[in-house]
Amino acid sequence: MIELVQHLNGVEMGVMVILGLCAIYAVALLFEKIYVMRKASSQTKDFLASFRKANSVEEAEAIVRKLPNSGIKSMFDAGMAEVRRTQDLGLYTMRDARDHTMQRVSSAMATRQNEHLEDLGSSMTFLASIGANAPFIGLFGTVWGIMVAFVGIAKTQTTSLAVVAPGIAGALLATAAGLAAAIPAVLIYNFAAKQISKQATKLDDFASEFIALVSRDMDRRAG
């Protein structure tokens, strides 16, 4: 491997450095995503376990107030803010106001949900770019290296493998490096996308549960 690196020209070495940095960044993102996703999943699980003990909006608010800040709690806070606005306007006990209240609550929670999922998905675009472009960057290094090797053949007037092989092998190393950077990036991207999808499903379910709780609470107060 060291001998191959020694035969790299300036362009190939530049390609290798770029791909090496991409691979390091992708691996660093793996650990960051594992931590963030596990934390979000744990917070969501704990929140739902507590929230589902509530039988009214007031009980839910009292329970949730004690929980740490999280993406799902921000959704609850947004929904509760709309509920409080409706109560302040004296519309909470009016059946005619139910549909509008539910729409506002749903919209507010959806906005916070999207913000939370966007935070979880930070750097996903860069991972996708590495996965899609790293092989082509490596291929560029390989093509360039082979071109240089052929120029060397023309200058030395020899086709001896002992002379040609090291340069070509070094050029092919760039393709291998491109794949080495792309494969982890794609795997990490797929892992993160799957975890975000699971989190989105849980948040969708929570939004439905919260709206149902508000609806029952409005029915009870309306008599």
C-alpha atoms as a PDB file:
ATOM      1  CA  MET A   1       0.000   0.000   0.000  1.00  0.00           C
ATOM      2  CA  ILE A   2       2.807   2.424   0.899  1.00  0.00           C
ATOM      3  CA  GLU A   3       4.525   1.655  -2.391  1.00  0.00           C
ATOM      4  CA  LEU A   4       1.316   2.475  -4.266  1.00  0.00           C
ATOM      5  CA  VAL A   5       0.986   5.801  -2.480  1.00  0.00           C
ATOM      6  CA  GLN A   6       4.571   6.647  -3.343  1.00  0.00           C
ATOM      7  CA  HIS A   7       3.732   6.364  -7.041  1.00  0.00           C
ATOM      8  CA  LEU A   8       0.793   8.788  -6.874  1.00  0.00           C
ATOM      9  CA  ASN A   9       1.135  12.046  -8.761  1.00  0.00           C
ATOM     10  CA  GLY A  10      -0.057  15.409  -7.444  1.00  0.00           C
ATOM     11  CA  VAL A  11      -3.593  15.146  -8.819  1.00  0.00           C
ATOM     12  CA  GLU A  12      -4.048  11.612  -7.533  1.00  0.00           C
ATOM     13  CA  MET A  13      -2.729  12.612  -4.121  1.00  0.00           C
ATOM     14  CA  GLY A  14      -5.183  15.518  -4.028  1.00  0.00           C
ATOM     15  CA  VAL A  15      -8.026  13.154  -4.869  1.00  0.00           C
ATOM     16  CA  MET A  16      -6.937  10.766  -2.132  1.00  0.00           C
ATOM     17  CA  VAL A  17      -6.814  13.569   0.438  1.00  0.00           C
ATOM     18  CA  ILE A  18     -10.317  14.758  -0.506  1.00  0.00           C
ATOM     19  CA  LEU A  19     -11.722  11.244  -0.340  1.00  0.00           C
ATOM     20  CA  GLY A  20      -9.939  10.565   2.934  1.00  0.00           C
ATOM     21  CA  LEU A  21     -11.475  13.656   4.507  1.00  0.00           C
ATOM     22  CA  CYS A  22     -14.907  12.639   3.213  1.00  0.00           C
ATOM     23  CA  ALA A  23     -14.530   9.170   4.712  1.00  0.00           C
ATOM     24  CA  ILE A  24     -13.427  10.579   8.079  1.00  0.00           C
ATOM     25  CA  TYR A  25     -16.341  13.022   8.116  1.00  0.00           C
ATOM     26  CA  ALA A  26     -18.799  10.241   7.227  1.00  0.00           C
ATOM     27  CA  VAL A  27     -17.559   8.048  10.082  1.00  0.00           C
ATOM     28  CA  ALA A  28     -17.757  11.001  12.490  1.00  0.00           C
ATOM     29  CA  LEU A  29     -21.342  11.580  11.373  1.00  0.00           C
ATOM     30  CA  LEU A  30     -22.116   7.921  12.077  1.00  0.00           C
ATOM     31  CA  PHE A  31     -21.317   8.329  15.776  1.00  0.00           C
ATOM     32  CA  GLU A  32     -23.121  11.673  15.901  1.00  0.00           C
ATOM     33  CA  LYS A  33     -26.245  10.239  14.271  1.00  0.00           C
ATOM     34  CA  ILE A  34     -26.263   7.188  16.532  1.00  0.00           C
ATOM     35  CA  TYR A  35     -26.147   9.460  19.593  1.00  0.00           C
ATOM     36  CA  VAL A  36     -28.769  11.903  18.308  1.00  0.00           C
ATOM     37  CA  MET A  37     -31.178   9.206  17.110  1.00  0.00           C
ATOM     38  CA  ARG A  38     -30.940   7.194  20.323  1.00  0.00           C
ATOM     39  CA  LYS A  39     -31.507  10.311  22.396  1.00  0.00           C
ATOM     40  CA  ALA A  40     -34.518  11.362  20.327  1.00  0.00           C
ATOM     41  CA  SER A  41     -35.983   7.855  20.435  1.00  0.00           C
ATOM     42  CA  SER A  42     -35.510   7.600  24.206  1.00  0.00           C
ATOM     43  CA  GLN A  43     -37.031  11.036  24.821  1.00  0.00           C
ATOM     44  CA  THR A  44     -40.011  10.237  22.621  1.00  0.00           C
ATOM     45  CA  LYS A  45     -40.586   6.911  24.350  1.00  0.00           C
ATOM     46  CA  ASP A  46     -40.436   8.468  27.832  1.00  0.00           C
ATOM     47  CA  PHE A  47     -42.656  11.357  26.780  1.00  0.00           C
ATOM     48  CA  LEU A  48     -45.350   9.107  25.325  1.00  0.00           C
ATOM     49  CA  ALA A  49     -45.333   6.867  28.399  1.00  0.00           C
ATOM     50  CA  SER A  50     -46.003   9.913  30.574  1.00  0.00           C
ATOM     51  CA  PHE A  51     -48.431  11.641  28.225  1.00  0.00           C
ATOM     52  CA  ARG A  52     -50.641   8.573  27.883  1.00  0.00           C
ATOM     53  CA  LYS A  53     -51.341   8.645  31.619  1.00  0.00           C
ATOM     54  CA  ALA A  54     -53.303  11.875  31.222  1.00  0.00           C
ATOM     55  CA  ASN A  55     -57.091  11.883  30.937  1.00  0.00           C
ATOM     56  CA  SER A  56     -57.452  15.577  30.200  1.00  0.00           C
ATOM     57  CA  VAL A  57     -55.561  18.451  28.648  1.00  0.00           C
ATOM     58  CA  GLU A  58     -54.795  19.900  32.084  1.00  0.00           C
ATOM     59  CA  GLU A  59     -53.410  16.593  33.339  1.00  0.00           C
ATOM     60  CA  ALA A  60     -51.273  16.251  30.242  1.00  0.00           C
ATOM     61  CA  GLU A  61     -49.910  19.766  30.646  1.00  0.00           C
ATOM     62  CA  ALA A  62     -49.058  19.156  34.305  1.00  0.00           C
ATOM     63  CA  ILE A  63     -47.285  15.902  33.492  1.00  0.00           C
ATOM     64  CA  VAL A  64     -45.396  17.193  30.469  1.00  0.00           C
ATOM     65  CA  ARG A  65     -44.195  20.299  32.306  1.00  0.00           C
ATOM     66  CA  LYS A  66     -41.872  18.104  34.378  1.00  0.00           C
ATOM     67  CA  LEU A  67     -40.268  16.433  31.359  1.00  0.00           C
ATOM     68  CA  PRO A  68     -37.011  17.611  29.720  1.00  0.00           C
ATOM     69  CA  ASN A  69     -37.116  19.586  26.496  1.00  0.00           C
ATOM     70  CA  SER A  70     -37.310  17.486  23.354  1.00  0.00           C
ATOM     71  CA  GLY A  71     -38.683  17.521  19.847  1.00  0.00           C
ATOM     72  CA  ILE A  72     -41.931  15.851  20.844  1.00  0.00           C
ATOM     73  CA  LYS A  73     -42.354  18.192  23.820  1.00  0.00           C
ATOM     74  CA  SER A  74     -42.015  21.183  21.500  1.00  0.00           C
ATOM     75  CA  MET A  75     -44.890  19.716  19.476  1.00  0.00           C
ATOM     76  CA  PHE A  76     -46.988  19.433  22.626  1.00  0.00           C
ATOM     77  CA  ASP A  77     -46.159  23.003  23.621  1.00  0.00           C
ATOM     78  CA  ALA A  78     -47.188  24.281  20.193  1.00  0.00           C
ATOM     79  CA  GLY A  79     -50.474  22.387  20.349  1.00  0.00           C
ATOM     80  CA  MET A  80     -51.181  23.576  23.879  1.00  0.00           C
ATOM     81  CA  ALA A  81     -50.482  27.175  22.875  1.00  0.00           C
ATOM     82  CA  GLU A  82     -53.282  26.948  20.308  1.00  0.00           C
ATOM     83  CA  VAL A  83     -55.596  25.333  22.862  1.00  0.00           C
ATOM     84  CA  ARG A  84     -54.913  28.164  25.310  1.00  0.00           C
ATOM     85  CA  ARG A  85     -55.602  30.775  22.647  1.00  0.00           C
ATOM     86  CA  THR A  86     -58.948  29.150  21.950  1.00  0.00           C
ATOM     87  CA  GLN A  87     -59.749  29.096  25.657  1.00  0.00           C
ATOM     88  CA  ASP A  88     -58.759  32.750  26.048  1.00  0.00           C
ATOM     89  CA  LEU A  89     -61.170  33.660  23.250  1.00  0.00           C
ATOM     90  CA  GLY A  90     -63.960  31.780  25.004  1.00  0.00           C
ATOM     91  CA  LEU A  91     -64.378  29.392  22.077  1.00  0.00           C
ATOM     92  CA  TYR A  92     -63.170  26.191  23.722  1.00  0.00           C
ATOM     93  CA  THR A  93     -66.639  25.104  24.826  1.00  0.00           C
ATOM     94  CA  MET A  94     -68.305  25.983  21.518  1.00  0.00           C
ATOM     95  CA  ARG A  95     -68.908  23.010  19.244  1.00  0.00           C
ATOM     96  CA  ASP A  96     -68.892  25.251  16.175  1.00  0.00           C
ATOM     97  CA  ALA A  97     -65.285  26.199  16.907  1.00  0.00           C
ATOM     98  CA  ARG A  98     -64.037  22.616  17.117  1.00  0.00           C
ATOM     99  CA  ASP A  99     -62.961  22.127  13.505  1.00  0.00           C
ATOM    100  CA  HIS A 100     -61.060  25.393  13.396  1.00  0.00           C
ATOM    101  CA  THR A 101     -59.398  24.616  16.711  1.00  0.00           C
ATOM    102  CA  MET A 102     -58.339  21.168  15.552  1.00  0.00           C
ATOM    103  CA  GLN A 103     -56.917  22.607  12.333  1.00  0.00           C
ATOM    104  CA  ARG A 104     -54.876  25.214  14.174  1.00  0.00           C
ATOM    105  CA  VAL A 105     -53.591  22.676  16.684  1.00  0.00           C
ATOM    106  CA  SER A 106     -52.673  20.241  13.924  1.00  0.00           C
ATOM    107  CA  SER A 107     -50.921  22.928  11.893  1.00  0.00           C
ATOM    108  CA  ALA A 108     -48.909  24.206  14.862  1.00  0.00           C
ATOM    109  CA  MET A 109     -47.800  20.703  15.819  1.00  0.00           C
ATOM    110  CA  ALA A 110     -46.907  19.827  12.226  1.00  0.00           C
ATOM    111  CA  THR A 111     -44.675  22.888  12.000  1.00  0.00           C
ATOM    112  CA  ARG A 112     -42.751  21.904  15.135  1.00  0.00           C
ATOM    113  CA  GLN A 113     -42.558  18.302  13.940  1.00  0.00           C
ATOM    114  CA  ASN A 114     -41.016  19.365  10.641  1.00  0.00           C
ATOM    115  CA  GLU A 115     -38.478  21.532  12.464  1.00  0.00           C
ATOM    116  CA  HIS A 116     -37.520  18.623  14.724  1.00  0.00           C
ATOM    117  CA  LEU A 117     -37.163  16.186  11.833  1.00  0.00           C
ATOM    118  CA  GLU A 118     -35.126  18.746   9.922  1.00  0.00           C
ATOM    119  CA  ASP A 119     -32.748  18.984  12.877  1.00  0.00           C
ATOM    120  CA  LEU A 120     -32.434  15.198  12.989  1.00  0.00           C
ATOM    121  CA  GLY A 121     -31.719  15.161   9.264  1.00  0.00           C
ATOM    122  CA  SER A 122     -28.963  17.750   9.361  1.00  0.00           C
ATOM    123  CA  SER A 123     -25.932  16.772   7.228  1.00  0.00           C
ATOM    124  CA  MET A 124     -28.012  14.202   5.342  1.00  0.00           C
ATOM    125  CA  THR A 125     -27.559  16.137   2.103  1.00  0.00           C
ATOM    126  CA  PHE A 126     -23.798  16.073   2.514  1.00  0.00           C
ATOM    127  CA  LEU A 127     -23.850  12.328   3.173  1.00  0.00           C
ATOM    128  CA  ALA A 128     -25.901  11.808   0.031  1.00  0.00           C
ATOM    129  CA  SER A 129     -23.422  13.923  -1.918  1.00  0.00           C
ATOM    130  CA  ILE A 130     -20.494  11.848  -0.675  1.00  0.00           C
ATOM    131  CA  GLY A 131     -22.274   8.624  -1.555  1.00  0.00           C
ATOM    132  CA  ALA A 132     -23.153   9.844  -5.032  1.00  0.00           C
ATOM    133  CA  ASN A 133     -19.973  11.707  -5.972  1.00  0.00           C
ATOM    134  CA  ALA A 134     -17.073   9.972  -4.205  1.00  0.00           C
ATOM    135  CA  PRO A 135     -16.890   7.115  -6.766  1.00  0.00           C
ATOM    136  CA  PHE A 136     -16.705   9.650  -9.594  1.00  0.00           C
ATOM    137  CA  ILE A 137     -14.009  11.640  -7.811  1.00  0.00           C
ATOM    138  CA  GLY A 138     -12.068   8.411  -7.411  1.00  0.00           C
ATOM    139  CA  LEU A 139     -12.669   7.542 -11.049  1.00  0.00           C
ATOM    140  CA  PHE A 140     -11.332  10.946 -12.071  1.00  0.00           C
ATOM    141  CA  GLY A 141      -8.148  10.201 -10.136  1.00  0.00           C
ATOM    142  CA  THR A 142      -7.874   6.823 -11.840  1.00  0.00           C
ATOM    143  CA  VAL A 143      -8.384   8.212 -15.337  1.00  0.00           C
ATOM    144  CA  TRP A 144      -5.861  10.945 -14.681  1.00  0.00           C
ATOM    145  CA  GLY A 145      -3.342   8.453 -13.336  1.00  0.00           C
ATOM    146  CA  ILE A 146      -3.744   6.151 -16.334  1.00  0.00           C
ATOM    147  CA  MET A 147      -3.294   9.109 -18.686  1.00  0.00           C
ATOM    148  CA  VAL A 148      -0.060   9.986 -16.886  1.00  0.00           C
ATOM    149  CA  ALA A 149       1.019   6.346 -17.099  1.00  0.00           C
ATOM    150  CA  PHE A 150       0.480   6.294 -20.865  1.00  0.00           C
ATOM    151  CA  VAL A 151       2.436   9.515 -21.239  1.00  0.00           C
ATOM    152  CA  GLY A 152       5.232   7.846 -19.300  1.00  0.00           C
ATOM    153  CA  ILE A 153       5.098   4.855 -21.640  1.00  0.00           C
ATOM    154  CA  ALA A 154       5.432   7.151 -24.634  1.00  0.00           C
ATOM    155  CA  LYS A 155       8.420   8.937 -23.127  1.00  0.00           C
ATOM    156  CA  THR A 156      10.289   5.809 -22.040  1.00  0.00           C
ATOM    157  CA  GLN A 157       9.386   3.857 -25.171  1.00  0.00           C
ATOM    158  CA  THR A 158       8.748   0.760 -23.073  1.00  0.00           C
ATOM    159  CA  THR A 159       5.715  -1.320 -22.161  1.00  0.00           C
ATOM    160  CA  SER A 160       7.431  -3.303 -19.434  1.00  0.00           C
ATOM    161  CA  LEU A 161       5.074  -4.128 -16.572  1.00  0.00           C
ATOM    162  CA  ALA A 162       7.818  -3.318 -14.115  1.00  0.00           C
ATOM    163  CA  VAL A 163       7.708   0.268 -15.340  1.00  0.00           C
ATOM    164  CA  VAL A 164       3.985   0.663 -16.093  1.00  0.00           C
ATOM    165  CA  ALA A 165       2.297  -1.385 -13.358  1.00  0.00           C
ATOM    166  CA  PRO A 166       3.116   0.812 -10.322  1.00  0.00           C
ATOM    167  CA  GLY A 167       1.612   3.909 -11.935  1.00  0.00           C
ATOM    168  CA  ILE A 168      -1.534   2.108 -13.061  1.00  0.00           C
ATOM    169  CA  ALA A 169      -1.929   0.399  -9.694  1.00  0.00           C
ATOM    170  CA  GLY A 170      -1.640   3.763  -7.980  1.00  0.00           C
ATOM    171  CA  ALA A 171      -4.262   5.172 -10.312  1.00  0.00           C
ATOM    172  CA  LEU A 172      -6.657   2.328  -9.510  1.00  0.00           C
ATOM    173  CA  LEU A 173      -6.142   3.058  -5.825  1.00  0.00           C
ATOM    174  CA  ALA A 174      -8.108   6.268  -6.346  1.00  0.00           C
ATOM    175  CA  THR A 175     -11.157   4.288  -7.468  1.00  0.00           C
ATOM    176  CA  ALA A 176     -10.865   2.038  -4.429  1.00  0.00           C
ATOM    177  CA  ALA A 177     -10.646   5.117  -2.213  1.00  0.00           C
ATOM    178  CA  GLY A 178     -13.748   6.555  -3.863  1.00  0.00           C
ATOM    179  CA  LEU A 179     -15.701   3.410  -3.080  1.00  0.00           C
ATOM    180  CA  ALA A 180     -14.270   3.311   0.445  1.00  0.00           C
ATOM    181  CA  ALA A 181     -15.649   6.802   1.045  1.00  0.00           C
ATOM    182  CA  ALA A 182     -18.985   6.252  -0.711  1.00  0.00           C
ATOM    183  CA  ILE A 183     -20.026   2.931   0.835  1.00  0.00           C
ATOM    184  CA  PRO A 184     -19.958   4.088   4.492  1.00  0.00           C
ATOM    185  CA  ALA A 185     -21.688   7.335   3.523  1.00  0.00           C
ATOM    186  CA  VAL A 186     -24.526   5.445   1.840  1.00  0.00           C
ATOM    187  CA  LEU A 187     -24.879   3.030   4.762  1.00  0.00           C
ATOM    188  CA  ILE A 188     -24.934   5.882   7.278  1.00  0.00           C
ATOM    189  CA  TYR A 189     -27.453   7.789   5.159  1.00  0.00           C
ATOM    190  CA  ASN A 190     -29.758   4.770   4.990  1.00  0.00           C
ATOM    191  CA  PHE A 191     -29.444   4.190   8.741  1.00  0.00           C
ATOM    192  CA  ALA A 192     -30.281   7.814   9.539  1.00  0.00           C
ATOM    193  CA  ALA A 193     -33.151   7.929   7.038  1.00  0.00           C
ATOM    194  CA  LYS A 194     -34.686   4.798   8.564  1.00  0.00           C
ATOM    195  CA  GLN A 195     -34.413   6.188  12.094  1.00  0.00           C
ATOM    196  CA  ILE A 196     -35.917   9.519  11.040  1.00  0.00           C
ATOM    197  CA  SER A 197     -38.789   7.687   9.360  1.00  0.00           C
ATOM    198  CA  LYS A 198     -39.480   5.750  12.573  1.00  0.00           C
ATOM    199  CA  GLN A 199     -39.371   8.956  14.587  1.00  0.00           C
ATOM    200  CA  ALA A 200     -41.742  10.673  12.145  1.00  0.00           C
ATOM    201  CA  THR A 201     -44.241   7.830  12.522  1.00  0.00           C
ATOM    202  CA  LYS A 202     -44.157   8.109  16.322  1.00  0.00           C
ATOM    203  CA  LEU A 203     -44.647  11.868  16.123  1.00  0.00           C
ATOM    204  CA  ASP A 204     -47.558  11.453  13.709  1.00  0.00           C
ATOM    205  CA  ASP A 205     -49.191   9.039  16.144  1.00  0.00           C
ATOM    206  CA  PHE A 206     -48.630  11.442  19.023  1.00  0.00           C
ATOM    207  CA  ALA A 207     -50.198  14.324  17.105  1.00  0.00           C
ATOM    208  CA  SER A 208     -53.281  12.185  16.481  1.00  0.00           C
ATOM    209  CA  GLU A 209     -53.464  11.204  20.153  1.00  0.00           C
ATOM    210  CA  PHE A 210     -53.124  14.805  21.295  1.00  0.00           C
ATOM    211  CA  ILE A 211     -55.831  16.032  18.934  1.00  0.00           C
ATOM    212  CA  ALA A 212     -58.119  13.227  20.129  1.00  0.00           C
ATOM    213  CA  LEU A 213     -57.447  14.244  23.742  1.00  0.00           C
ATOM    214  CA  VAL A 214     -58.311  17.866  22.971  1.00  0.00           C
ATOM    215  CA  SER A 215     -61.461  16.778  21.141  1.00  0.00           C
ATOM    216  CA  ARG A 216     -62.653  14.694  24.102  1.00  0.00           C
ATOM    217  CA  ASP A 217     -61.843  17.545  26.452  1.00  0.00           C
ATOM    218  CA  MET A 218     -63.888  19.971  24.351  1.00  0.00           C
ATOM    219  CA  ASP A 219     -66.804  17.517  24.293  1.00  0.00           C
ATOM    220  CA  ARG A 220     -66.716  17.158  28.059  1.00  0.00           C
ATOM    221  CA  ARG A 221     -66.676  20.889  28.665  1.00  0.00           C
ATOM    222  CA  ALA A 222     -69.374  21.553  26.099  1.00  0.00           C
ATOM    223  CA  GLY A 223     -71.620  19.156  27.967  1.00  0.00           C
END
